[in-house]
Amino acid sequence: MNDFYSKVYDVVKLIPAGRVTSYGAIAAYLGIKSSARAVGWAMNASRTADGFIPAHRVVNRNGLLTGKHFFDSPTAMCELLENEGIAVIDDCIVNFAEVFWNPAKELDLFNDF
């Protein structure tokens, strides 16, 4: 696994249950703001990573479940989020601003990422 993916997974593992973040927020936290798409590729590849990566907690900047087609079923991502208390309607998180977890605000920016 490449180093970038490892860093993404380290951040994603810290997202608390019942909260979500965006591909762009992770990219910005890692210092590569223009690499939101690469974070998405990492989430797709997370299925083969060691250990549990809560990829269902990473959505696009508008709260849309754009990665849902990479899960075992078309509804799996939504079901995982709803099981954590996150409301989803038409593949969009209802209260996105309230459940948004910003790694730049929640994590120490001077860590080893």
Protein backbone atom coordinates (compact mmCIF):
# COMPACT_ATOMS: atom_id res chain seq x y z
CA MET A 1 0.00 0.00 0.00
CA ASN A 2 1.34 3.43 -0.80
CA ASP A 3 2.22 5.96 1.88
CA PHE A 4 -0.54 8.39 0.86
CA TYR A 5 -3.22 5.73 1.27
CA SER A 6 -1.81 4.83 4.69
CA LYS A 7 -2.06 8.45 5.79
CA VAL A 8 -5.63 8.69 4.51
CA TYR A 9 -6.59 5.50 6.36
CA ASP A 10 -4.99 6.79 9.56
CA VAL A 11 -7.23 9.86 9.41
CA VAL A 12 -10.36 7.94 8.43
CA LYS A 13 -9.92 5.55 11.36
CA LEU A 14 -10.21 8.57 13.67
CA ILE A 15 -13.63 9.68 12.42
CA PRO A 16 -16.02 8.98 15.30
CA ALA A 17 -19.13 6.89 14.76
CA GLY A 18 -22.06 9.15 13.97
CA ARG A 19 -19.86 11.71 12.21
CA VAL A 20 -18.70 12.12 8.61
CA THR A 21 -16.06 14.04 6.72
CA SER A 22 -15.34 14.80 3.09
CA TYR A 23 -12.67 13.69 0.66
CA GLY A 24 -11.54 17.30 0.39
CA ALA A 25 -11.31 17.82 4.14
CA ILE A 26 -8.99 14.82 4.43
CA ALA A 27 -6.89 16.01 1.49
CA ALA A 28 -6.61 19.50 2.98
CA TYR A 29 -5.66 18.09 6.37
CA LEU A 30 -2.89 16.07 4.76
CA GLY A 31 -1.62 19.21 3.04
CA ILE A 32 -2.69 18.32 -0.49
CA LYS A 33 -5.96 20.19 -0.88
CA SER A 34 -6.18 19.49 -4.61
CA SER A 35 -6.13 15.71 -4.07
CA ALA A 36 -9.71 15.04 -2.96
CA ARG A 37 -10.10 12.60 -5.86
CA ALA A 38 -7.04 10.66 -4.67
CA VAL A 39 -8.69 10.33 -1.25
CA GLY A 40 -11.68 8.82 -3.06
CA TRP A 41 -9.40 6.31 -4.77
CA ALA A 42 -7.95 5.43 -1.37
CA MET A 43 -11.46 4.86 -0.02
CA ASN A 44 -12.20 2.55 -2.94
CA ALA A 45 -9.00 0.62 -2.27
CA SER A 46 -9.73 0.41 1.46
CA ARG A 47 -11.71 -2.78 0.90
CA THR A 48 -8.41 -4.62 0.53
CA ALA A 49 -6.58 -2.82 3.36
CA ASP A 50 -5.67 -4.51 6.61
CA GLY A 51 -8.15 -3.84 9.39
CA PHE A 52 -11.41 -1.94 9.34
CA ILE A 53 -11.45 1.39 7.51
CA PRO A 54 -14.79 3.20 8.06
CA ALA A 55 -14.95 4.41 4.46
CA HIS A 56 -18.71 4.91 4.79
CA ARG A 57 -17.96 8.00 6.89
CA VAL A 58 -16.32 9.79 3.95
CA VAL A 59 -18.63 11.61 1.54
CA ASN A 60 -18.38 14.43 -0.96
CA ARG A 61 -18.32 18.11 0.01
CA ASN A 62 -22.11 18.35 -0.23
CA GLY A 63 -22.82 15.30 1.91
CA LEU A 64 -23.63 13.05 -1.04
CA LEU A 65 -22.82 9.34 -0.83
CA THR A 66 -20.79 9.39 -4.02
CA GLY A 67 -18.76 6.34 -3.00
CA LYS A 68 -21.77 4.09 -2.45
CA HIS A 69 -21.13 2.03 -5.57
CA PHE A 70 -17.87 0.73 -4.10
CA PHE A 71 -19.66 -1.07 -1.26
CA ASP A 72 -21.02 -4.63 -1.30
CA SER A 73 -24.50 -3.41 -2.20
CA PRO A 74 -25.93 -0.10 -3.47
CA THR A 75 -27.52 0.55 -0.06
CA ALA A 76 -24.69 -0.61 2.23
CA MET A 77 -23.10 2.82 2.72
CA CYS A 78 -26.44 4.39 3.59
CA GLU A 79 -27.31 1.54 5.95
CA LEU A 80 -23.98 1.81 7.78
CA LEU A 81 -24.47 5.56 8.26
CA GLU A 82 -28.08 5.15 9.40
CA ASN A 83 -26.96 2.49 11.89
CA GLU A 84 -24.74 5.19 13.40
CA GLY A 85 -27.66 7.62 13.68
CA ILE A 86 -26.95 9.67 10.56
CA ALA A 87 -30.08 10.59 8.59
CA VAL A 88 -29.81 10.05 4.84
CA ILE A 89 -32.42 10.94 2.22
CA ASP A 90 -31.87 10.32 -1.49
CA ASP A 91 -28.20 9.47 -0.89
CA CYS A 92 -27.56 12.79 0.85
CA ILE A 93 -26.85 13.37 4.54
CA VAL A 94 -29.71 15.42 5.95
CA ASN A 95 -27.90 17.36 8.67
CA PHE A 96 -24.49 17.39 7.03
CA ALA A 97 -23.18 20.52 8.77
CA GLU A 98 -24.14 19.12 12.17
CA VAL A 99 -22.42 15.76 11.73
CA PHE A 100 -19.44 17.02 9.73
CA TRP A 101 -16.11 16.15 11.33
CA ASN A 102 -13.28 18.40 10.19
CA PRO A 103 -9.89 16.78 10.81
CA ALA A 104 -8.18 20.18 10.69
CA LYS A 105 -10.24 21.28 13.70
CA GLU A 106 -10.51 17.95 15.50
CA LEU A 107 -6.93 16.69 15.22
CA ASP A 108 -3.59 18.13 16.21
CA LEU A 109 -2.14 19.60 13.02
CA PHE A 110 1.36 18.85 14.28
CA ASN A 111 1.01 15.10 14.46
CA ASP A 112 2.91 12.55 12.40
CA PHE A 113 0.59 12.50 9.39
